[in-house]
Amino acid sequence: MLKPKVEKILNEQIKKEGYSSFLYLSMASWAESKGMPGIAQWLFAQAEEEKMHMLKFVDYINERGGRAIIPALDKAPENWKDVFVIFDEVLEHEKYISASINDILALAVKENDFATQNWIQWFVTEQVEEESSVQLVIDKLNLLGKHNLYMFDRDIMGLRTAE
């Protein structure tokens, strides 16, 4: 049985993961509309992954005798200056999610919720991979510069390391 504080913070994470999916979906749509199908494909894959993360939280809460609450989600932005800004925002957002996952782990430790401590470790590892994957994209973009985006767009799916 989940303790109330743990159930509450896990439900808050459902909203954060859902928003992450919407954010990346919006970014993917923007990239696709700007003629960057490779970047769009990478972002669509990220959006799907975040949706699966959200569903993992739903399943876990319900499995532990709690009740997962499916929230309304805030509208994601629609426009970005360029792909450099997008990937900088993706990295900052992933850092925000990492901090949120760490808060869950800290609360589970404080509440002596050993099952949640064990379960959330998968997300701790996943966030390290997510941040690393986005940083790799940013590093490649910076090496290429703004005038070589065609080649980058074509090759970005080969850079996807987090699953």
Protein backbone atom coordinates (compact mmCIF):
# COMPACT_ATOMS: atom_id res chain seq x y z
CA MET A 1 0.00 0.00 0.00
CA LEU A 2 1.33 3.42 -0.93
CA LYS A 3 1.66 6.03 1.76
CA PRO A 4 -0.36 9.18 0.96
CA LYS A 5 2.68 11.44 0.46
CA VAL A 6 4.27 8.94 -1.93
CA GLU A 7 1.02 8.50 -3.86
CA LYS A 8 0.70 12.28 -4.17
CA ILE A 9 4.21 12.82 -5.54
CA LEU A 10 3.85 9.89 -7.96
CA ASN A 11 0.60 11.39 -9.25
CA GLU A 12 2.37 14.72 -9.71
CA GLN A 13 4.95 12.90 -11.83
CA ILE A 14 2.19 11.57 -14.10
CA LYS A 15 1.45 15.17 -15.07
CA LYS A 16 5.13 15.97 -15.63
CA GLU A 17 5.64 12.92 -17.85
CA GLY A 18 2.46 13.69 -19.79
CA TYR A 19 3.55 17.27 -20.33
CA SER A 20 6.97 16.03 -21.47
CA SER A 21 5.23 13.95 -24.14
CA PHE A 22 3.12 16.93 -25.26
CA LEU A 23 6.17 19.22 -25.31
CA TYR A 24 8.20 16.87 -27.49
CA LEU A 25 5.20 16.23 -29.73
CA SER A 26 4.83 19.98 -30.25
CA MET A 27 8.54 20.31 -30.98
CA ALA A 28 8.33 17.41 -33.45
CA SER A 29 5.43 19.03 -35.26
CA TRP A 30 7.35 22.31 -35.48
CA ALA A 31 10.45 20.55 -36.88
CA GLU A 32 8.40 18.59 -39.39
CA SER A 33 6.68 21.78 -40.59
CA LYS A 34 10.12 23.36 -41.08
CA GLY A 35 11.31 20.55 -43.38
CA MET A 36 13.34 18.62 -40.82
CA PRO A 37 11.81 15.12 -40.85
CA GLY A 38 14.78 13.47 -39.12
CA ILE A 39 14.68 15.85 -36.18
CA ALA A 40 10.90 15.46 -36.10
CA GLN A 41 11.25 11.68 -36.04
CA TRP A 42 13.71 11.89 -33.13
CA LEU A 43 11.31 14.14 -31.20
CA PHE A 44 8.27 11.98 -32.04
CA ALA A 45 10.17 9.00 -30.60
CA GLN A 46 10.94 11.02 -27.46
CA ALA A 47 7.27 11.99 -27.14
CA GLU A 48 6.25 8.33 -27.32
CA GLU A 49 8.87 7.37 -24.74
CA GLU A 50 7.59 10.02 -22.31
CA LYS A 51 4.05 8.73 -22.77
CA MET A 52 5.27 5.26 -21.83
CA HIS A 53 6.95 6.71 -18.73
CA MET A 54 3.65 8.31 -17.75
CA LEU A 55 1.88 4.97 -18.13
CA LYS A 56 4.50 3.25 -15.95
CA PHE A 57 3.60 5.66 -13.16
CA VAL A 58 -0.12 5.02 -13.68
CA ASP A 59 0.41 1.25 -13.53
CA TYR A 60 2.67 1.42 -10.48
CA ILE A 61 0.34 3.61 -8.44
CA ASN A 62 -2.66 1.41 -9.17
CA GLU A 63 -0.67 -1.80 -8.64
CA ARG A 64 0.37 -0.59 -5.17
CA GLY A 65 -3.21 0.04 -4.09
CA GLY A 66 -3.27 3.75 -4.85
CA ARG A 67 -5.29 5.59 -7.44
CA ALA A 68 -3.57 7.16 -10.41
CA ILE A 69 -5.10 10.49 -11.35
CA ILE A 70 -4.99 11.48 -15.01
CA PRO A 71 -4.55 15.26 -15.02
CA ALA A 72 -5.32 17.99 -17.49
CA LEU A 73 -2.10 19.02 -19.18
CA ASP A 74 -0.84 22.51 -19.86
CA LYS A 75 -0.54 23.57 -23.47
CA ALA A 76 2.98 23.22 -24.83
CA PRO A 77 4.66 26.05 -26.77
CA GLU A 78 4.18 26.01 -30.53
CA ASN A 79 7.15 27.90 -31.95
CA TRP A 80 10.91 27.98 -31.52
CA LYS A 81 13.63 30.14 -33.03
CA ASP A 82 15.60 27.14 -34.31
CA VAL A 83 16.63 23.56 -33.51
CA PHE A 84 19.45 24.80 -31.30
CA VAL A 85 16.89 26.38 -28.99
CA ILE A 86 14.73 23.25 -29.11
CA PHE A 87 17.53 20.94 -27.98
CA ASP A 88 18.68 23.37 -25.30
CA GLU A 89 15.08 23.33 -24.00
CA VAL A 90 14.95 19.53 -24.21
CA LEU A 91 18.09 19.29 -22.07
CA GLU A 92 16.77 21.76 -19.50
CA HIS A 93 13.45 19.91 -19.37
CA GLU A 94 15.22 16.56 -18.87
CA LYS A 95 17.22 18.08 -16.01
CA TYR A 96 13.93 19.26 -14.47
CA ILE A 97 12.50 15.73 -14.79
CA SER A 98 15.68 14.27 -13.27
CA ALA A 99 15.32 16.55 -10.26
CA SER A 100 11.69 15.50 -9.91
CA ILE A 101 12.63 11.80 -10.01
CA ASN A 102 15.28 12.47 -7.36
CA ASP A 103 12.61 14.13 -5.19
CA ILE A 104 10.49 10.98 -5.46
CA LEU A 105 13.43 8.83 -4.42
CA ALA A 106 14.22 11.13 -1.48
CA LEU A 107 10.62 10.99 -0.27
CA ALA A 108 10.50 7.19 -0.66
CA VAL A 109 13.64 6.96 1.48
CA LYS A 110 12.17 9.31 4.09
CA GLU A 111 8.92 7.31 4.16
CA ASN A 112 10.72 3.94 4.32
CA ASP A 113 8.94 2.89 1.13
CA PHE A 114 11.45 0.29 -0.04
CA ALA A 115 9.33 -0.91 -2.98
CA THR A 116 9.12 2.60 -4.44
CA GLN A 117 12.82 3.16 -3.78
CA ASN A 118 13.59 0.05 -5.79
CA TRP A 119 11.07 0.82 -8.56
CA ILE A 120 12.11 4.46 -9.07
CA GLN A 121 15.75 3.45 -9.61
CA TRP A 122 14.86 2.51 -13.20
CA PHE A 123 13.87 6.15 -13.78
CA VAL A 124 17.05 7.44 -12.10
CA THR A 125 19.10 5.42 -14.61
CA GLU A 126 16.81 6.40 -17.48
CA GLN A 127 17.26 10.10 -16.74
CA VAL A 128 21.04 9.79 -16.83
CA GLU A 129 20.66 8.23 -20.28
CA GLU A 130 18.15 10.87 -21.41
CA GLU A 131 20.39 13.78 -20.42
CA SER A 132 23.40 12.12 -22.04
CA SER A 133 21.50 11.47 -25.26
CA VAL A 134 20.35 15.08 -25.56
CA GLN A 135 23.80 16.40 -24.71
CA LEU A 136 25.21 14.25 -27.53
CA VAL A 137 22.74 15.84 -29.95
CA ILE A 138 23.67 19.33 -28.74
CA ASP A 139 27.38 18.55 -29.07
CA LYS A 140 26.87 17.35 -32.65
CA LEU A 141 24.80 20.41 -33.51
CA ASN A 142 27.47 22.70 -32.12
CA LEU A 143 30.17 20.92 -34.12
CA LEU A 144 28.16 21.19 -37.33
CA GLY A 145 26.99 24.76 -36.91
CA LYS A 146 23.86 26.31 -38.38
CA HIS A 147 24.80 25.75 -42.02
CA ASN A 148 25.01 21.95 -41.95
CA LEU A 149 21.55 21.05 -40.68
CA TYR A 150 20.62 19.02 -43.76
CA MET A 151 23.23 16.37 -42.97
CA PHE A 152 22.37 16.46 -39.28
CA ASP A 153 18.65 16.05 -39.97
CA ARG A 154 19.38 13.03 -42.14
CA ASP A 155 21.62 11.36 -39.55
CA ILE A 156 20.00 12.23 -36.18
CA MET A 157 18.22 8.92 -35.67
CA GLY A 158 21.63 7.24 -35.46
CA LEU A 159 22.38 9.40 -32.40
CA ARG A 160 19.46 8.03 -30.35
CA THR A 161 21.00 6.11 -27.46
CA ALA A 162 18.35 6.22 -24.71
CA GLU A 163 15.59 3.64 -24.94
